[in-house]
Protein backbone atom coordinates (compact mmCIF):
# COMPACT_ATOMS: atom_id res chain seq x y z
CA MET A 1 -123.91 -32.46 16.07
CA PHE A 2 -122.67 -35.17 13.40
CA VAL A 3 -119.46 -32.96 12.75
CA MET A 4 -118.66 -33.15 16.97
CA ILE A 5 -119.21 -36.67 16.42
CA LEU A 6 -117.31 -37.49 13.89
CA PHE A 7 -114.08 -35.23 14.90
CA TYR A 8 -114.53 -36.91 18.26
CA VAL A 9 -114.30 -40.57 15.94
CA PHE A 10 -111.71 -39.42 14.21
CA SER A 11 -109.71 -37.72 17.21
CA ALA A 12 -109.86 -41.66 18.96
CA VAL A 13 -108.70 -43.22 15.97
CA LEU A 14 -105.79 -40.58 15.55
CA ILE A 15 -104.26 -41.32 18.80
CA ALA A 16 -105.32 -45.52 19.25
CA ALA A 17 -102.98 -45.46 15.79
CA ALA A 18 -100.28 -42.83 16.73
CA LEU A 19 -99.92 -45.11 19.91
CA ALA A 20 -99.37 -48.31 17.99
CA VAL A 21 -96.73 -46.52 16.04
CA ILE A 22 -94.57 -46.35 18.71
CA THR A 23 -95.69 -49.25 20.45
CA THR A 24 -95.92 -51.77 18.19
CA ARG A 25 -92.54 -53.58 17.48
CA ASN A 26 -92.88 -54.68 14.08
CA PRO A 27 -92.01 -51.83 11.19
CA VAL A 28 -94.53 -53.43 8.67
CA TYR A 29 -97.13 -52.68 11.42
CA SER A 30 -96.13 -49.56 12.73
CA ALA A 31 -95.38 -48.08 8.70
CA LEU A 32 -99.14 -49.14 8.28
CA CYS A 33 -100.41 -47.66 11.50
CA LEU A 34 -98.58 -44.44 10.45
CA VAL A 35 -100.39 -44.37 7.18
CA LEU A 36 -103.87 -44.24 9.04
CA THR A 37 -102.34 -41.99 11.47
CA PHE A 38 -101.79 -38.97 8.47
CA PHE A 39 -105.00 -40.43 6.98
CA THR A 40 -106.93 -39.22 9.61
CA SER A 41 -105.82 -36.05 10.33
CA ALA A 42 -105.98 -35.41 6.88
CA ALA A 43 -109.69 -35.99 7.60
CA ILE A 44 -109.73 -33.65 10.75
CA TRP A 45 -108.28 -30.50 8.56
CA LEU A 46 -111.07 -31.34 6.09
CA LEU A 47 -113.73 -31.01 8.73
CA ILE A 48 -112.59 -27.59 9.64
CA ASP A 49 -112.34 -26.49 6.04
CA ALA A 50 -108.77 -26.27 5.67
CA GLU A 51 -108.60 -28.54 2.33
CA PHE A 52 -104.84 -27.58 1.69
CA LEU A 53 -103.25 -28.74 4.99
CA ALA A 54 -105.52 -31.93 4.50
CA LEU A 55 -104.27 -32.27 0.62
CA VAL A 56 -100.61 -31.91 1.86
CA LEU A 57 -100.76 -34.29 4.54
CA VAL A 58 -101.82 -36.93 2.54
CA LEU A 59 -99.78 -36.71 -0.73
CA VAL A 60 -96.16 -35.70 1.08
CA TYR A 61 -96.53 -37.98 4.05
CA VAL A 62 -98.73 -40.75 2.85
CA GLY A 63 -96.49 -40.64 -0.19
CA ALA A 64 -93.34 -40.82 2.04
CA VAL A 65 -94.39 -43.56 3.90
CA MET A 66 -93.04 -46.03 1.92
CA VAL A 67 -89.82 -44.32 1.66
CA LEU A 68 -89.88 -44.23 5.75
CA PHE A 69 -89.98 -47.88 5.70
CA LEU A 70 -87.10 -48.36 3.19
CA PHE A 71 -84.83 -46.18 5.52
CA VAL A 72 -85.97 -48.12 8.79
CA VAL A 73 -85.27 -51.43 7.02
CA MET A 74 -81.78 -50.23 5.84
CA MET A 75 -80.99 -48.66 9.33
CA LEU A 76 -82.01 -51.90 11.80
CA ASP A 77 -81.00 -54.64 8.93
CA ILE A 78 -83.97 -56.61 8.75
CA GLU A 79 -84.24 -59.42 6.50
CA VAL A 80 -86.23 -58.20 3.73
CA GLU A 81 -86.64 -61.58 2.34
CA ALA A 82 -87.87 -62.81 5.26
CA LEU A 83 -90.64 -59.46 5.37
CA ARG A 84 -91.31 -60.89 1.88
CA SER A 85 -92.31 -63.95 2.51
CA GLY A 86 -94.36 -63.77 5.51
CA PHE A 87 -96.39 -60.59 3.55
CA THR A 88 -99.41 -62.14 3.53
CA ARG A 89 -100.13 -62.19 7.50
CA TYR A 90 -100.44 -58.46 7.59
CA ALA A 91 -103.05 -58.63 4.99
CA TRP A 92 -105.46 -58.26 7.38
CA LEU A 93 -104.15 -55.27 8.78
CA GLY A 94 -103.98 -53.60 5.54
CA TRP A 95 -107.46 -54.22 4.76
CA LEU A 96 -108.54 -53.26 8.26
CA THR A 97 -106.20 -49.22 7.59
CA ALA A 98 -108.09 -49.11 4.55
CA LEU A 99 -111.51 -50.10 5.53
CA VAL A 100 -111.29 -47.33 8.39
CA VAL A 101 -109.47 -44.73 5.85
CA ILE A 102 -112.88 -45.25 3.72
CA LEU A 103 -114.96 -45.17 6.52
CA GLU A 104 -113.30 -42.15 7.39
CA LEU A 105 -114.00 -40.50 3.76
CA ALA A 106 -117.58 -41.61 3.59
CA GLY A 107 -118.01 -39.81 7.26
CA VAL A 108 -116.57 -36.32 5.86
CA VAL A 109 -118.57 -36.68 2.56
CA ALA A 110 -121.71 -37.48 4.92
CA ALA A 111 -120.88 -33.91 7.11
CA ARG A 112 -120.97 -32.08 4.13
CA ARG A 113 -123.82 -32.95 2.00
CA PHE A 114 -126.60 -34.40 3.98
CA GLY A 115 -128.04 -32.38 6.76
CA ALA A 116 -125.05 -32.09 8.58
CA ASP A 117 -125.26 -29.59 11.68
CA THR A 118 -124.20 -26.34 10.28
CA ALA A 119 -124.18 -24.81 13.64
CA ALA A 120 -120.78 -26.67 15.14
CA SER A 121 -119.12 -25.83 11.97
CA PRO A 122 -116.54 -22.63 10.59
CA VAL A 123 -117.76 -19.66 9.33
CA PRO A 124 -118.24 -19.90 6.05
CA MET A 125 -115.70 -17.94 3.97
CA PRO A 126 -115.88 -15.91 0.37
CA ALA A 127 -115.43 -17.40 -2.87
CA ASP A 128 -111.90 -15.51 -2.73
CA TYR A 129 -110.73 -17.02 0.50
CA SER A 130 -107.49 -19.11 0.07
CA ASN A 131 -106.10 -21.44 2.64
CA THR A 132 -102.64 -21.73 1.42
CA HIS A 133 -102.19 -17.51 1.12
CA GLU A 134 -103.44 -17.09 4.83
CA LEU A 135 -101.01 -20.17 5.99
CA GLY A 136 -98.36 -18.90 4.06
CA THR A 137 -98.80 -15.29 5.62
CA VAL A 138 -99.38 -16.57 9.09
CA LEU A 139 -96.23 -19.09 8.98
CA TYR A 140 -93.54 -16.70 7.80
CA THR A 141 -94.77 -13.63 10.09
CA ASP A 142 -96.21 -14.97 13.26
CA TYR A 143 -94.22 -18.27 13.60
CA VAL A 144 -91.26 -17.83 11.74
CA TYR A 145 -88.88 -18.63 13.95
CA ALA A 146 -90.60 -22.06 15.25
CA PHE A 147 -90.54 -22.42 11.41
CA GLU A 148 -86.89 -21.79 10.98
CA LEU A 149 -86.50 -23.97 14.46
CA ALA A 150 -88.46 -26.96 12.98
CA ALA A 151 -86.05 -26.81 9.83
CA VAL A 152 -82.96 -27.27 11.94
CA LEU A 153 -84.32 -30.33 14.15
CA LEU A 154 -85.00 -31.39 10.65
CA LEU A 155 -81.42 -31.26 10.01
CA VAL A 156 -80.06 -32.50 13.09
CA ALA A 157 -82.40 -35.81 12.36
CA ILE A 158 -81.45 -36.43 9.33
CA VAL A 159 -77.60 -35.95 10.38
CA ALA A 160 -78.56 -38.31 13.32
CA ALA A 161 -79.96 -40.94 11.18
CA ILE A 162 -77.17 -40.94 8.87
CA ALA A 163 -74.53 -41.24 11.93
CA LEU A 164 -76.70 -44.39 13.23
CA THR A 165 -76.21 -46.09 9.65
CA MET A 166 -72.40 -45.60 10.12
CA ARG A 167 -71.66 -48.08 12.55
CA LYS A 168 -68.54 -50.79 12.39
CA ARG A 169 -68.93 -53.85 10.46
CA PRO A 170 -66.36 -56.55 10.07
CA GLY A 171 -64.57 -56.13 6.85
CA LEU A 172 -65.62 -52.45 6.53
CA LYS A 173 -62.99 -50.54 4.62
CA VAL A 174 -63.06 -46.73 5.92
CA GLN A 175 -60.63 -43.79 5.29
CA ASP A 176 -58.31 -41.81 7.46
CA ILE A 177 -57.91 -38.56 5.98
CA ALA A 178 -55.32 -37.15 8.75
CA ARG A 179 -53.04 -40.08 7.38
CA GLN A 180 -53.67 -39.54 3.99
CA VAL A 181 -52.93 -35.67 4.38
CA ALA A 182 -49.98 -36.70 6.62
CA VAL A 183 -48.29 -38.90 3.92
CA ARG A 184 -44.80 -38.00 2.80
CA ARG A 185 -43.52 -38.21 -0.75
CA GLU A 186 -40.73 -41.09 -0.05
CA ASP A 187 -43.78 -43.26 1.19
CA ARG A 188 -45.81 -43.07 -2.08
CA VAL A 189 -43.08 -43.30 -4.77
CA ARG A 190 -39.65 -44.27 -5.20
CA LEU A 191 -37.56 -43.51 -7.90
CA VAL A 192 -35.56 -46.38 -9.33
CA LYS A 193 -32.64 -45.51 -11.91
CA MET A 194 -31.40 -48.41 -14.13
CA ASP A 195 -29.25 -48.63 -17.51
CA ALA A 196 -30.53 -48.47 -20.77
CA GLU A 197 -30.64 -51.23 -22.34
CA LYS A 198 -29.93 -52.26 -26.03
CA HIS A 199 -31.96 -55.10 -27.84
CA PRO A 200 -29.94 -56.59 -30.40
């Protein structure tokens, strides 16, 4: 019963944080809510004994959120100095996010060690069971086409992000490849004949 309560609590936090990511106009708030979203998802993975997925979610995605935030700053031309000057205004949200993360970790530990209802937990696996092996087997057999499609979508997203950053700016020097290829020798090089001069 305790595990189910934790699941519903984590799910509510996850949905609220995900909605805040796409509804908040401030990029700092969105980044912090994204951290909370990933961490809550990892806590839910821990509840169903998927430790590998939880660790990957925390190490890869939570660790890359700051890089994502830098991309947002570069793409939207946000004044970094103005954000630094008002950084203390967002401290309360950062502490609130850290508090929720600590409470989620404590809830997972309590569910595992202190008399949680085991009826709602998954069936225990043998000692030689590997989440990584099972995940790879399912991913590259049953869902290989979906995996490849996700890779193509990520490639399109990268190209779109690059295209968004390459917008017209005043004073920006760009190359005209067609004009460079079509240039003639006479347009670039001029041969000048001069008589030899004798120095005294």
